[in-house]
Amino acid sequence: MGLKLEAIIPKSYLRWIKEKLEYLETEINEKNFVISQIYFSLILFSLIFFLSKNLFLAFFSFLIGFLTFVFLLYLSVENSKKKVEVNLPEFISLFSSNIKSGLTLEAAILASCRKEFGILDKIFRNIGKEIYSGKPIEEVLKKYSKKYKIETLQRFLYLLEEGIKKGSKISDLLFEISEDLRSRNVLKKELSSIISLYTMFIFFAVSFGMPILFGITTYFVYTIQTLAPKGFEAKIPINIPLSFKGIDIDVNFIRNFAILSILITSFFSSMIIGALKEGNEKIGIKYFPIILTISLLLYFAIQIVISQMMGFIIS
């Protein structure tokens, strides 16, 4: 059964999954990952179809289940890349100390590896082993620079390669790189604290401000349609007749428009938060379910609260 499922998956997608799994500390291969992804999506499809008897909804749930795996994999890869950026200065510092103590390059690399470094430990253990096996250092460094597309790691491997080529004192070069990366990480934290004010403003505006306004508007339209289905006339003190014929807009249209607006705004606001906070708008999608849930709950809750308040005042 697994082979039949595997046969329908494009090879390009399997290669992409394999590349992403390289960033993770896992023994799962790309084939098992995709098969699990399909099984989960089929189970979700069957469950939704059994409960709703709606083929379109069931197919949509299958698509959501399939994309959920991709999204979770993407988030795991991005978290792994972040750990590399955080742990790299510490690794380089150990690397520099081992070089100063008289170890060869490959021995210093292996001696600097620590399990707590996560994927960084795996990368440099493989680099050290390949250099030990007799492969040219420059060739190995270029290989892993292309394989792992992590900007900070790629810059470090490039500088290390250039330093070896030009005969620089590697220990001093490593120490300077380590200090520069530490300073960069500190600056990122300071900027993050400043940017958090902007992200909080966007979060509260979208999660609270927008649904409250939409909720009040929806209830206002519903109230007018209920009280004035046929229209009525009113006069102000200066005897200028004003006729009020009600409104032609259907309250369901207002409600659907509000929900669609909340959905779209929540999606793009989550991407903006990701761009500001994480430096990558795609990571911000993880905030989308939270913002959307809060917005929709508040949208419906505010209508209930206003309805209860008006009922209490009138009674």
Protein backbone atom coordinates (compact mmCIF):
# COMPACT_ATOMS: atom_id res chain seq x y z
CA MET A 1 0.00 0.00 0.00
CA GLY A 2 2.88 2.33 0.85
CA LEU A 3 4.49 1.77 -2.56
CA LYS A 4 1.23 2.59 -4.35
CA LEU A 5 0.92 5.85 -2.43
CA GLU A 6 4.55 6.69 -3.08
CA ALA A 7 4.10 6.19 -6.83
CA ILE A 8 1.64 9.10 -7.14
CA ILE A 9 3.98 11.65 -5.52
CA PRO A 10 6.13 13.80 -7.88
CA LYS A 11 9.86 13.22 -7.50
CA SER A 12 10.47 16.96 -7.24
CA TYR A 13 8.24 17.10 -4.14
CA LEU A 14 10.10 14.15 -2.59
CA ARG A 15 13.42 15.90 -3.22
CA TRP A 16 12.10 19.08 -1.61
CA ILE A 17 10.95 17.14 1.47
CA LYS A 18 14.32 15.38 1.66
CA GLU A 19 16.16 18.73 1.58
CA LYS A 20 13.99 20.09 4.40
CA LEU A 21 14.41 16.97 6.55
CA GLU A 22 18.19 17.44 6.36
CA TYR A 23 17.76 20.45 8.66
CA LEU A 24 16.09 18.35 11.36
CA GLU A 25 17.41 15.84 13.86
CA THR A 26 15.17 13.02 12.73
CA GLU A 27 15.53 9.55 11.26
CA ILE A 28 12.34 9.90 9.19
CA ASN A 29 13.01 9.79 5.46
CA GLU A 30 11.08 11.69 2.81
CA LYS A 31 9.06 8.66 1.69
CA ASN A 32 7.73 7.86 5.16
CA PHE A 33 6.98 11.53 5.74
CA VAL A 34 4.88 11.85 2.56
CA ILE A 35 3.07 8.56 3.16
CA SER A 36 2.17 9.68 6.70
CA GLN A 37 1.05 13.00 5.25
CA ILE A 38 -1.30 11.29 2.79
CA TYR A 39 -2.69 8.87 5.39
CA PHE A 40 -3.46 11.73 7.77
CA SER A 41 -5.18 13.71 5.02
CA LEU A 42 -7.26 10.69 3.95
CA ILE A 43 -8.36 10.04 7.54
CA LEU A 44 -9.38 13.69 7.87
CA PHE A 45 -11.21 13.50 4.52
CA SER A 46 -13.14 10.38 5.60
CA LEU A 47 -14.03 11.84 8.99
CA ILE A 48 -15.34 15.13 7.61
CA PHE A 49 -17.25 13.41 4.81
CA PHE A 50 -18.82 10.95 7.29
CA LEU A 51 -19.92 13.81 9.57
CA SER A 52 -21.02 16.36 6.96
CA LYS A 53 -21.84 14.29 3.85
CA ASN A 54 -20.34 17.23 1.95
CA LEU A 55 -17.78 16.21 -0.67
CA PHE A 56 -16.46 19.73 -1.19
CA LEU A 57 -15.91 20.24 2.54
CA ALA A 58 -14.24 16.82 2.81
CA PHE A 59 -11.89 17.62 -0.09
CA PHE A 60 -11.09 20.99 1.48
CA SER A 61 -10.25 19.24 4.77
CA PHE A 62 -7.96 16.83 2.84
CA LEU A 63 -6.13 19.82 1.37
CA ILE A 64 -5.85 21.48 4.79
CA GLY A 65 -4.48 18.28 6.32
CA PHE A 66 -1.91 17.91 3.53
CA LEU A 67 -0.77 21.52 3.78
CA THR A 68 -0.60 21.32 7.58
CA PHE A 69 2.22 18.79 7.30
CA VAL A 70 4.10 21.06 4.89
CA PHE A 71 3.59 24.08 7.15
CA LEU A 72 4.73 22.24 10.29
CA LEU A 73 7.80 20.99 8.44
CA TYR A 74 8.58 24.51 7.28
CA LEU A 75 8.25 25.89 10.82
CA SER A 76 10.49 23.13 12.19
CA VAL A 77 13.14 23.94 9.59
CA GLU A 78 13.01 27.66 10.39
CA ASN A 79 13.32 26.94 14.13
CA SER A 80 16.31 24.72 13.37
CA LYS A 81 17.91 27.53 11.35
CA LYS A 82 17.39 29.92 14.26
CA LYS A 83 19.13 27.52 16.63
CA VAL A 84 22.08 27.43 14.23
CA GLU A 85 22.36 31.23 14.33
CA VAL A 86 22.14 31.22 18.13
CA ASN A 87 24.63 28.38 18.69
CA LEU A 88 27.13 29.22 15.95
CA PRO A 89 29.08 31.86 17.97
CA GLU A 90 29.58 29.37 20.82
CA PHE A 91 30.73 26.68 18.40
CA ILE A 92 33.18 29.05 16.69
CA SER A 93 34.55 30.10 20.10
CA LEU A 94 35.23 26.44 21.00
CA PHE A 95 36.67 25.87 17.53
CA SER A 96 39.06 28.80 18.00
CA SER A 97 40.19 27.53 21.42
CA ASN A 98 40.86 24.05 20.05
CA ILE A 99 42.88 25.48 17.15
CA LYS A 100 44.97 27.50 19.64
CA SER A 101 45.61 24.37 21.69
CA GLY A 102 47.38 22.82 18.69
CA LEU A 103 44.73 20.52 17.22
CA THR A 104 44.47 20.07 13.47
CA LEU A 105 41.52 21.66 11.69
CA GLU A 106 39.44 18.48 11.42
CA ALA A 107 40.25 17.41 14.98
CA ALA A 108 39.33 20.88 16.28
CA ILE A 109 36.00 20.73 14.42
CA LEU A 110 35.07 17.36 15.91
CA ALA A 111 36.23 18.38 19.40
CA SER A 112 34.01 21.48 19.22
CA CYS A 113 30.81 19.56 18.43
CA ARG A 114 28.20 19.32 21.19
CA LYS A 115 24.80 17.59 21.16
CA GLU A 116 23.15 20.71 22.58
CA PHE A 117 24.07 22.54 19.35
CA GLY A 118 21.33 20.58 17.58
CA ILE A 119 21.61 20.42 13.80
CA LEU A 120 24.89 22.38 13.98
CA ASP A 121 26.45 19.36 15.72
CA LYS A 122 25.34 17.11 12.84
CA ILE A 123 26.66 19.49 10.17
CA PHE A 124 30.16 19.92 11.60
CA ARG A 125 30.54 16.26 12.58
CA ASN A 126 29.92 15.39 8.95
CA ILE A 127 32.34 18.11 7.82
CA GLY A 128 35.03 16.85 10.21
CA LYS A 129 34.56 13.22 9.13
CA GLU A 130 34.78 14.07 5.43
CA ILE A 131 37.98 16.07 5.97
CA TYR A 132 39.40 13.17 7.99
CA SER A 133 38.60 10.81 5.10
CA GLY A 134 40.96 12.79 2.85
CA LYS A 135 38.63 15.08 0.93
CA PRO A 136 39.95 18.62 0.18
CA ILE A 137 38.89 21.11 2.88
CA GLU A 138 37.71 23.75 0.38
CA GLU A 139 35.59 21.18 -1.45
CA VAL A 140 33.92 19.99 1.77
CA LEU A 141 33.20 23.55 2.97
CA LYS A 142 31.66 24.50 -0.39
CA LYS A 143 29.53 21.36 -0.39
CA TYR A 144 27.95 22.08 2.99
CA SER A 145 27.59 25.77 2.22
CA LYS A 146 25.40 24.85 -0.76
CA LYS A 147 23.56 22.07 1.07
CA TYR A 148 22.45 24.13 4.07
CA LYS A 149 21.00 27.46 3.01
CA ILE A 150 21.52 29.28 6.30
CA GLU A 151 22.92 32.74 5.70
CA THR A 152 25.07 32.98 8.84
CA LEU A 153 26.49 29.48 8.37
CA GLN A 154 27.23 30.10 4.69
CA ARG A 155 29.12 33.31 5.50
CA PHE A 156 31.16 31.54 8.18
CA LEU A 157 32.10 28.66 5.89
CA TYR A 158 33.04 31.13 3.15
CA LEU A 159 35.27 33.17 5.50
CA LEU A 160 36.86 29.99 6.84
CA GLU A 161 37.56 28.79 3.30
CA GLU A 162 39.08 32.14 2.29
CA GLY A 163 41.16 32.26 5.47
CA ILE A 164 42.60 28.80 4.78
CA LYS A 165 43.35 29.71 1.16
CA LYS A 166 45.17 32.92 2.10
CA GLY A 167 47.05 31.40 5.01
CA SER A 168 45.46 33.57 7.70
CA LYS A 169 45.86 32.80 11.38
CA ILE A 170 42.70 30.73 11.77
CA SER A 171 42.37 31.08 15.55
CA ASP A 172 42.31 34.90 15.39
CA LEU A 173 39.92 34.86 12.44
CA LEU A 174 37.56 32.53 14.30
CA PHE A 175 37.66 34.67 17.43
CA GLU A 176 36.73 37.81 15.47
CA ILE A 177 33.89 36.03 13.66
CA SER A 178 32.56 34.71 16.98
CA GLU A 179 32.54 38.18 18.55
CA ASP A 180 30.86 39.72 15.49
CA LEU A 181 28.11 37.09 15.56
CA ARG A 182 27.54 37.62 19.29
CA SER A 183 27.21 41.37 18.74
CA ARG A 184 24.81 40.73 15.90
CA ASN A 185 22.61 38.48 18.05
CA VAL A 186 22.53 41.09 20.84
CA LEU A 187 21.51 43.78 18.32
CA LYS A 188 18.74 41.50 17.01
CA LYS A 189 17.34 41.09 20.52
CA GLU A 190 17.33 44.86 21.07
CA LEU A 191 15.55 45.47 17.75
CA SER A 192 13.08 42.71 18.57
CA SER A 193 12.06 44.45 21.80
CA ILE A 194 11.41 47.68 19.87
CA ILE A 195 9.50 45.97 17.07
CA SER A 196 7.33 44.08 19.59
CA LEU A 197 5.41 47.34 20.21
CA TYR A 198 4.40 47.49 16.54
CA THR A 199 3.43 43.81 16.47
CA MET A 200 1.30 44.25 19.61
CA PHE A 201 -0.50 47.20 18.03
CA ILE A 202 -1.26 45.19 14.87
CA PHE A 203 -2.38 42.20 16.94
CA PHE A 204 -4.80 44.17 19.12
CA ALA A 205 -6.14 46.24 16.21
CA VAL A 206 -6.95 43.13 14.16
CA SER A 207 -7.94 40.76 16.97
CA PHE A 208 -10.04 43.22 18.99
CA GLY A 209 -10.69 46.52 17.22
CA MET A 210 -11.83 45.16 13.86
CA PRO A 211 -14.25 42.44 15.14
CA ILE A 212 -15.82 44.85 17.65
CA LEU A 213 -16.58 47.40 14.91
CA PHE A 214 -17.89 44.73 12.55
CA GLY A 215 -20.00 43.23 15.35
CA ILE A 216 -21.60 46.57 16.19
CA THR A 217 -22.26 47.27 12.49
CA THR A 218 -23.86 43.87 11.93
CA TYR A 219 -26.12 44.25 14.95
CA PHE A 220 -27.05 47.80 13.90
CA VAL A 221 -28.15 46.60 10.43
CA TYR A 222 -30.02 43.65 11.95
CA THR A 223 -31.84 45.97 14.40
CA ILE A 224 -32.91 48.39 11.67
CA GLN A 225 -34.23 45.58 9.49
CA THR A 226 -36.15 44.12 12.44
CA LEU A 227 -37.71 47.39 13.62
CA ALA A 228 -38.42 48.89 10.22
CA PRO A 229 -39.28 46.13 7.76
CA LYS A 230 -41.83 48.34 5.96
CA GLY A 231 -40.40 51.74 6.71
CA PHE A 232 -41.80 54.54 8.82
CA GLU A 233 -41.92 58.31 8.89
CA ALA A 234 -40.48 60.57 11.54
CA LYS A 235 -40.59 64.33 12.13
CA ILE A 236 -38.02 66.48 13.80
CA PRO A 237 -38.99 69.51 15.96
CA ILE A 238 -38.89 71.99 13.05
CA ASN A 239 -41.54 70.00 11.20
CA ILE A 240 -39.35 68.78 8.35
CA PRO A 241 -40.70 65.35 7.45
CA LEU A 242 -38.14 62.59 7.24
CA SER A 243 -39.11 59.26 5.81
CA PHE A 244 -37.15 56.16 6.71
CA LYS A 245 -37.77 53.25 4.37
CA GLY A 246 -35.34 50.82 5.97
CA ILE A 247 -32.32 49.46 4.13
CA ASP A 248 -32.07 47.05 1.25
CA ILE A 249 -28.81 45.44 2.37
CA ASP A 250 -29.33 41.92 3.65
CA VAL A 251 -27.88 41.32 7.11
CA ASN A 252 -26.46 38.01 5.86
CA PHE A 253 -24.47 39.94 3.27
CA ILE A 254 -23.04 42.18 6.03
CA ARG A 255 -22.23 39.13 8.15
CA ASN A 256 -20.52 37.29 5.28
CA PHE A 257 -18.62 40.42 4.31
CA ALA A 258 -17.43 40.88 7.90
CA ILE A 259 -16.29 37.27 8.23
CA LEU A 260 -14.48 37.39 4.88
CA SER A 261 -12.80 40.68 5.84
CA ILE A 262 -11.73 39.21 9.18
CA LEU A 263 -10.34 36.14 7.42
CA ILE A 264 -8.32 38.10 4.86
CA THR A 265 -7.10 40.75 7.32
CA SER A 266 -6.09 38.12 9.87
CA PHE A 267 -4.05 36.29 7.24
CA PHE A 268 -2.14 39.33 6.00
CA SER A 269 -1.68 40.80 9.48
CA SER A 270 -0.14 37.51 10.64
CA MET A 271 2.31 37.71 7.73
CA ILE A 272 3.17 41.30 8.63
CA ILE A 273 3.80 40.27 12.25
CA GLY A 274 6.03 37.45 10.99
CA ALA A 275 8.00 39.87 8.80
CA LEU A 276 8.47 42.32 11.68
CA LYS A 277 9.11 39.83 14.48
CA GLU A 278 10.83 36.93 12.76
CA GLY A 279 12.19 38.57 9.61
CA ASN A 280 10.20 36.13 7.47
CA GLU A 281 6.56 36.69 6.57
CA LYS A 282 5.97 32.97 5.98
CA ILE A 283 6.70 32.19 9.63
CA GLY A 284 3.97 34.63 10.61
CA ILE A 285 1.35 32.23 9.26
CA LYS A 286 1.62 30.37 12.58
CA TYR A 287 -0.11 33.37 14.20
CA PHE A 288 -3.00 33.19 11.71
CA PRO A 289 -5.13 30.57 13.55
CA ILE A 290 -4.75 32.47 16.85
CA ILE A 291 -5.70 35.86 15.40
CA LEU A 292 -8.56 34.40 13.34
CA THR A 293 -10.02 32.47 16.30
CA ILE A 294 -9.93 35.48 18.63
CA SER A 295 -11.39 37.77 15.95
CA LEU A 296 -14.30 35.49 15.06
CA LEU A 297 -15.15 34.69 18.68
CA LEU A 298 -15.15 38.38 19.57
CA TYR A 299 -17.18 39.25 16.45
CA PHE A 300 -20.03 36.92 17.45
CA ALA A 301 -19.64 37.62 21.17
CA ILE A 302 -20.02 41.39 20.77
CA GLN A 303 -23.34 40.90 18.94
CA ILE A 304 -24.64 38.69 21.76
CA VAL A 305 -23.49 41.15 24.42
CA ILE A 306 -25.10 44.14 22.67
CA SER A 307 -28.30 42.16 22.13
CA GLN A 308 -28.45 41.25 25.82
CA MET A 309 -27.74 44.85 26.87
CA MET A 310 -30.42 46.28 24.57
CA GLY A 311 -32.91 43.69 25.77
CA PHE A 312 -32.16 44.60 29.39
CA ILE A 313 -32.50 48.35 28.70
CA ILE A 314 -35.78 47.98 26.80
CA SER A 315 -37.29 45.68 29.42
